[in-house]
Amino acid sequence: MPLNDREQKILEEIEKQFYADDPKLAQTVARTTLESISQRWTPLAVGGFIIGVIIMLAFFTTQVFIAGAGFVIMVISAGWIAVDLRRRNATGAATGPVDSWISRLRQRWQRDG
């Protein structure tokens, strides 16, 4: 639903005030994209997944609660990775060897199915 003229004018005034109050923050917000956030957090998610696996395997026979925490870390990290891969595939951008491998596998699956 598009904004009417009054709402558009109010939005422009808020934007001007924002740039006037804190230009450094305004530049940071303008430069920040979903891709830049993804590039920052996806390697941490991969590391979290690996750490979760190590914790789970190290403690699953002795400390069940710590092993459960490792499992939770794994699930959260895997969820972040899956969401990121789904978002990248939705935009059609295969940005790495894993993405291109997944897209080739998906094309082969759809062709055979």
N, C-alpha and C. Protein backbone atom coordinates (compact mmCIF):
# COMPACT_ATOMS: atom_id res chain seq x y z
N MET A 1 0.85 -1.17 0.00
CA MET A 1 0.00 0.00 0.00
C MET A 1 0.90 1.24 0.00
N PRO A 2 0.81 2.07 -1.04
CA PRO A 2 1.68 3.24 -1.12
C PRO A 2 1.28 4.30 -0.10
N LEU A 3 2.26 5.13 0.24
CA LEU A 3 2.02 6.22 1.18
C LEU A 3 1.34 7.38 0.46
N ASN A 4 0.47 8.08 1.18
CA ASN A 4 -0.12 9.27 0.58
C ASN A 4 0.90 10.42 0.70
N ASP A 5 0.56 11.57 0.14
CA ASP A 5 1.51 12.70 0.10
C ASP A 5 1.91 13.17 1.50
N ARG A 6 0.95 13.23 2.41
CA ARG A 6 1.24 13.68 3.78
C ARG A 6 2.20 12.72 4.47
N GLU A 7 1.94 11.43 4.36
CA GLU A 7 2.81 10.43 4.98
C GLU A 7 4.20 10.44 4.36
N GLN A 8 4.27 10.61 3.04
CA GLN A 8 5.56 10.69 2.36
C GLN A 8 6.37 11.89 2.84
N LYS A 9 5.71 13.03 3.03
CA LYS A 9 6.39 14.23 3.51
C LYS A 9 6.90 14.03 4.94
N ILE A 10 6.09 13.40 5.80
CA ILE A 10 6.51 13.12 7.18
C ILE A 10 7.72 12.20 7.18
N LEU A 11 7.69 11.17 6.33
CA LEU A 11 8.81 10.24 6.23
C LEU A 11 10.09 10.95 5.77
N GLU A 12 9.98 11.84 4.81
CA GLU A 12 11.13 12.59 4.34
C GLU A 12 11.69 13.50 5.44
N GLU A 13 10.82 14.11 6.22
CA GLU A 13 11.28 14.96 7.33
C GLU A 13 12.01 14.13 8.39
N ILE A 14 11.48 12.96 8.69
CA ILE A 14 12.15 12.07 9.65
C ILE A 14 13.52 11.66 9.13
N GLU A 15 13.59 11.35 7.85
CA GLU A 15 14.87 10.95 7.25
C GLU A 15 15.88 12.10 7.30
N LYS A 16 15.47 13.32 6.99
CA LYS A 16 16.37 14.47 7.05
C LYS A 16 16.87 14.69 8.47
N GLN A 17 15.97 14.57 9.43
CA GLN A 17 16.34 14.74 10.84
C GLN A 17 17.33 13.66 11.27
N PHE A 18 17.11 12.45 10.80
CA PHE A 18 18.00 11.32 11.12
C PHE A 18 19.41 11.60 10.59
N TYR A 19 19.50 12.04 9.33
CA TYR A 19 20.82 12.36 8.76
C TYR A 19 21.47 13.54 9.48
N ALA A 20 20.68 14.50 9.92
CA ALA A 20 21.23 15.68 10.60
C ALA A 20 21.70 15.33 12.02
N ASP A 21 20.97 14.48 12.72
CA ASP A 21 21.31 14.15 14.11
C ASP A 21 22.55 13.28 14.22
N ASP A 22 22.65 12.25 13.37
CA ASP A 22 23.77 11.32 13.50
C ASP A 22 24.20 10.84 12.11
N PRO A 23 25.02 11.62 11.41
CA PRO A 23 25.39 11.26 10.04
C PRO A 23 26.20 9.95 9.96
N LYS A 24 27.01 9.67 10.99
CA LYS A 24 27.80 8.44 10.96
C LYS A 24 26.89 7.21 11.02
N LEU A 25 25.90 7.23 11.92
CA LEU A 25 24.95 6.13 12.01
C LEU A 25 24.14 6.01 10.72
N ALA A 26 23.76 7.13 10.14
CA ALA A 26 22.99 7.12 8.90
C ALA A 26 23.79 6.47 7.77
N GLN A 27 25.08 6.76 7.69
CA GLN A 27 25.92 6.13 6.67
C GLN A 27 26.06 4.63 6.91
N THR A 28 26.20 4.25 8.16
CA THR A 28 26.32 2.82 8.50
C THR A 28 25.04 2.08 8.12
N VAL A 29 23.91 2.65 8.44
CA VAL A 29 22.63 2.03 8.10
C VAL A 29 22.46 1.94 6.58
N ALA A 30 22.88 2.97 5.88
CA ALA A 30 22.74 2.98 4.42
C ALA A 30 23.62 1.92 3.76
N ARG A 31 24.80 1.66 4.34
CA ARG A 31 25.71 0.67 3.76
C ARG A 31 25.36 -0.76 4.13
N THR A 32 24.66 -0.96 5.22
CA THR A 32 24.38 -2.30 5.71
C THR A 32 23.33 -2.98 4.83
N THR A 33 23.66 -4.17 4.36
CA THR A 33 22.73 -4.96 3.56
C THR A 33 22.59 -6.33 4.20
N LEU A 34 21.62 -7.08 3.73
CA LEU A 34 21.43 -8.43 4.22
C LEU A 34 22.64 -9.30 3.88
N GLU A 35 23.25 -9.04 2.75
CA GLU A 35 24.44 -9.80 2.35
C GLU A 35 25.61 -9.53 3.29
N SER A 36 25.79 -8.28 3.70
CA SER A 36 26.91 -7.97 4.61
C SER A 36 26.69 -8.60 5.97
N ILE A 37 25.43 -8.64 6.43
CA ILE A 37 25.14 -9.30 7.70
C ILE A 37 25.39 -10.79 7.58
N SER A 38 24.99 -11.36 6.46
CA SER A 38 25.18 -12.79 6.23
C SER A 38 26.66 -13.15 6.19
N GLN A 39 27.45 -12.33 5.53
CA GLN A 39 28.88 -12.59 5.45
C GLN A 39 29.54 -12.53 6.82
N ARG A 40 28.98 -11.76 7.72
CA ARG A 40 29.54 -11.64 9.05
C ARG A 40 29.12 -12.80 9.95
N TRP A 41 27.87 -13.27 9.86
CA TRP A 41 27.35 -14.24 10.80
C TRP A 41 27.43 -15.69 10.33
N THR A 42 27.47 -15.96 9.05
CA THR A 42 27.50 -17.34 8.57
C THR A 42 28.77 -18.07 8.99
N PRO A 43 29.96 -17.49 8.89
CA PRO A 43 31.14 -18.21 9.41
C PRO A 43 31.05 -18.51 10.91
N LEU A 44 30.42 -17.60 11.66
CA LEU A 44 30.23 -17.88 13.09
C LEU A 44 29.26 -19.04 13.29
N ALA A 45 28.25 -19.15 12.43
CA ALA A 45 27.30 -20.27 12.53
C ALA A 45 27.99 -21.59 12.21
N VAL A 46 28.86 -21.58 11.22
CA VAL A 46 29.61 -22.81 10.89
C VAL A 46 30.51 -23.19 12.06
N GLY A 47 31.19 -22.22 12.63
CA GLY A 47 32.02 -22.49 13.81
C GLY A 47 31.19 -22.97 14.98
N GLY A 48 30.02 -22.38 15.18
CA GLY A 48 29.14 -22.82 16.25
C GLY A 48 28.67 -24.25 16.05
N PHE A 49 28.40 -24.62 14.81
CA PHE A 49 27.99 -25.99 14.52
C PHE A 49 29.10 -26.97 14.87
N ILE A 50 30.32 -26.63 14.47
CA ILE A 50 31.46 -27.51 14.75
C ILE A 50 31.70 -27.61 16.26
N ILE A 51 31.63 -26.49 16.95
CA ILE A 51 31.81 -26.51 18.40
C ILE A 51 30.70 -27.31 19.07
N GLY A 52 29.47 -27.17 18.58
CA GLY A 52 28.35 -27.94 19.12
C GLY A 52 28.55 -29.43 18.95
N VAL A 53 29.05 -29.85 17.80
CA VAL A 53 29.34 -31.27 17.57
C VAL A 53 30.40 -31.76 18.54
N ILE A 54 31.46 -30.98 18.69
CA ILE A 54 32.55 -31.38 19.59
C ILE A 54 32.05 -31.49 21.03
N ILE A 55 31.28 -30.51 21.48
CA ILE A 55 30.75 -30.56 22.85
C ILE A 55 29.84 -31.77 23.03
N MET A 56 28.98 -32.00 22.06
CA MET A 56 28.05 -33.11 22.18
C MET A 56 28.78 -34.45 22.22
N LEU A 57 29.75 -34.63 21.34
CA LEU A 57 30.47 -35.89 21.31
C LEU A 57 31.37 -36.08 22.53
N ALA A 58 31.89 -35.00 23.07
CA ALA A 58 32.79 -35.10 24.21
C ALA A 58 32.04 -35.43 25.51
N PHE A 59 30.78 -34.99 25.62
CA PHE A 59 30.09 -35.11 26.89
C PHE A 59 28.84 -35.98 26.87
N PHE A 60 28.54 -36.65 25.76
CA PHE A 60 27.26 -37.33 25.71
C PHE A 60 27.17 -38.54 26.64
N THR A 61 28.28 -39.10 27.10
CA THR A 61 28.19 -40.24 28.02
C THR A 61 28.35 -39.83 29.47
N THR A 62 28.94 -38.66 29.71
CA THR A 62 29.21 -38.28 31.10
C THR A 62 28.30 -37.15 31.60
N GLN A 63 28.13 -36.13 30.84
CA GLN A 63 27.34 -34.96 31.24
C GLN A 63 26.24 -34.74 30.20
N VAL A 64 25.07 -35.27 30.46
CA VAL A 64 23.99 -35.22 29.49
C VAL A 64 23.54 -33.79 29.24
N PHE A 65 23.49 -32.96 30.26
CA PHE A 65 23.02 -31.59 30.09
C PHE A 65 23.98 -30.77 29.23
N ILE A 66 25.27 -30.97 29.41
CA ILE A 66 26.26 -30.26 28.58
C ILE A 66 26.17 -30.75 27.15
N ALA A 67 26.00 -32.07 26.97
CA ALA A 67 25.82 -32.61 25.63
C ALA A 67 24.55 -32.05 24.98
N GLY A 68 23.50 -31.89 25.78
CA GLY A 68 22.27 -31.29 25.26
C GLY A 68 22.48 -29.85 24.84
N ALA A 69 23.27 -29.11 25.60
CA ALA A 69 23.59 -27.73 25.22
C ALA A 69 24.37 -27.71 23.90
N GLY A 70 25.28 -28.65 23.73
CA GLY A 70 26.00 -28.76 22.46
C GLY A 70 25.06 -29.04 21.31
N PHE A 71 24.08 -29.90 21.56
CA PHE A 71 23.09 -30.22 20.53
C PHE A 71 22.27 -28.98 20.18
N VAL A 72 21.88 -28.21 21.18
CA VAL A 72 21.11 -26.99 20.94
C VAL A 72 21.93 -26.00 20.12
N ILE A 73 23.21 -25.87 20.44
CA ILE A 73 24.10 -25.00 19.66
C ILE A 73 24.16 -25.47 18.21
N MET A 74 24.25 -26.79 18.03
CA MET A 74 24.27 -27.35 16.67
C MET A 74 23.00 -27.01 15.91
N VAL A 75 21.85 -27.19 16.54
CA VAL A 75 20.58 -26.97 15.86
C VAL A 75 20.41 -25.50 15.48
N ILE A 76 20.74 -24.61 16.39
CA ILE A 76 20.62 -23.18 16.10
C ILE A 76 21.56 -22.79 14.96
N SER A 77 22.79 -23.28 15.00
CA SER A 77 23.75 -22.97 13.94
C SER A 77 23.31 -23.54 12.60
N ALA A 78 22.83 -24.77 12.61
CA ALA A 78 22.36 -25.39 11.36
C ALA A 78 21.15 -24.63 10.82
N GLY A 79 20.29 -24.17 11.70
CA GLY A 79 19.14 -23.38 11.26
C GLY A 79 19.57 -22.09 10.59
N TRP A 80 20.55 -21.41 11.18
CA TRP A 80 21.05 -20.17 10.57
C TRP A 80 21.65 -20.45 9.20
N ILE A 81 22.43 -21.51 9.09
CA ILE A 81 23.06 -21.86 7.82
C ILE A 81 21.99 -22.20 6.78
N ALA A 82 20.97 -22.96 7.17
CA ALA A 82 19.90 -23.34 6.24
C ALA A 82 19.13 -22.11 5.76
N VAL A 83 18.83 -21.20 6.66
CA VAL A 83 18.11 -19.98 6.28
C VAL A 83 18.96 -19.16 5.32
N ASP A 84 20.24 -19.06 5.59
CA ASP A 84 21.13 -18.29 4.72
C ASP A 84 21.22 -18.94 3.35
N LEU A 85 21.36 -20.25 3.29
CA LEU A 85 21.42 -20.93 1.99
C LEU A 85 20.11 -20.78 1.22
N ARG A 86 18.99 -20.87 1.92
CA ARG A 86 17.70 -20.69 1.27
C ARG A 86 17.55 -19.28 0.73
N ARG A 87 18.00 -18.29 1.50
CA ARG A 87 17.92 -16.90 1.03
C ARG A 87 18.80 -16.69 -0.18
N ARG A 88 19.99 -17.26 -0.16
CA ARG A 88 20.89 -17.12 -1.32
C ARG A 88 20.31 -17.80 -2.55
N ASN A 89 19.70 -18.96 -2.37
CA ASN A 89 19.10 -19.65 -3.51
C ASN A 89 17.88 -18.92 -4.02
N ALA A 90 17.14 -18.25 -3.15
CA ALA A 90 15.96 -17.49 -3.56
C ALA A 90 16.35 -16.31 -4.43
N THR A 91 17.51 -15.71 -4.15
CA THR A 91 17.97 -14.59 -4.97
C THR A 91 18.68 -15.07 -6.22
N GLY A 92 18.96 -16.37 -6.29
CA GLY A 92 19.61 -16.94 -7.47
C GLY A 92 21.11 -16.73 -7.49
N ALA A 93 21.67 -16.36 -6.39
CA ALA A 93 23.11 -16.09 -6.33
C ALA A 93 23.84 -17.28 -5.75
N ALA A 94 24.54 -18.02 -6.60
CA ALA A 94 25.40 -19.09 -6.12
C ALA A 94 26.76 -18.47 -5.84
N THR A 95 27.06 -18.25 -4.58
CA THR A 95 28.24 -17.47 -4.22
C THR A 95 29.44 -18.30 -3.84
N GLY A 96 29.33 -19.58 -3.82
CA GLY A 96 30.47 -20.39 -3.41
C GLY A 96 30.35 -21.79 -3.94
N PRO A 97 31.37 -22.62 -3.67
CA PRO A 97 31.36 -23.98 -4.18
C PRO A 97 30.21 -24.82 -3.62
N VAL A 98 29.84 -24.60 -2.38
CA VAL A 98 28.73 -25.36 -1.79
C VAL A 98 27.43 -24.97 -2.46
N ASP A 99 27.22 -23.66 -2.68
CA ASP A 99 26.00 -23.20 -3.33
C ASP A 99 25.89 -23.74 -4.75
N SER A 100 26.99 -23.71 -5.50
CA SER A 100 26.92 -24.21 -6.87
C SER A 100 26.71 -25.72 -6.88
N TRP A 101 27.30 -26.44 -5.93
CA TRP A 101 27.10 -27.88 -5.84
C TRP A 101 25.65 -28.19 -5.52
N ILE A 102 25.06 -27.44 -4.59
CA ILE A 102 23.66 -27.65 -4.23
C ILE A 102 22.75 -27.34 -5.41
N SER A 103 23.02 -26.28 -6.14
CA SER A 103 22.16 -25.95 -7.29
C SER A 103 22.29 -27.01 -8.39
N ARG A 104 23.48 -27.53 -8.62
CA ARG A 104 23.63 -28.62 -9.61
C ARG A 104 22.88 -29.87 -9.16
N LEU A 105 22.98 -30.20 -7.86
CA LEU A 105 22.27 -31.35 -7.33
C LEU A 105 20.76 -31.17 -7.44
N ARG A 106 20.28 -29.98 -7.15
CA ARG A 106 18.84 -29.70 -7.25
C ARG A 106 18.37 -29.81 -8.70
N GLN A 107 19.15 -29.29 -9.65
CA GLN A 107 18.77 -29.40 -11.06
C GLN A 107 18.74 -30.86 -11.51
N ARG A 108 19.69 -31.65 -11.08
CA ARG A 108 19.73 -33.06 -11.44
C ARG A 108 18.54 -33.78 -10.84
N TRP A 109 18.18 -33.46 -9.59
CA TRP A 109 17.05 -34.09 -8.93
C TRP A 109 15.75 -33.76 -9.65
N GLN A 110 15.58 -32.50 -10.04
CA GLN A 110 14.36 -32.10 -10.74
C GLN A 110 14.28 -32.71 -12.14
N ARG A 111 15.41 -32.89 -12.78
CA ARG A 111 15.46 -33.48 -14.10
C ARG A 111 15.11 -34.96 -14.06
N ASP A 112 15.62 -35.65 -13.03
CA ASP A 112 15.37 -37.09 -12.90
C ASP A 112 13.97 -37.37 -12.38
N GLY A 113 13.44 -36.47 -11.54
CA GLY A 113 12.14 -36.69 -10.89
C GLY A 113 11.04 -36.34 -11.79
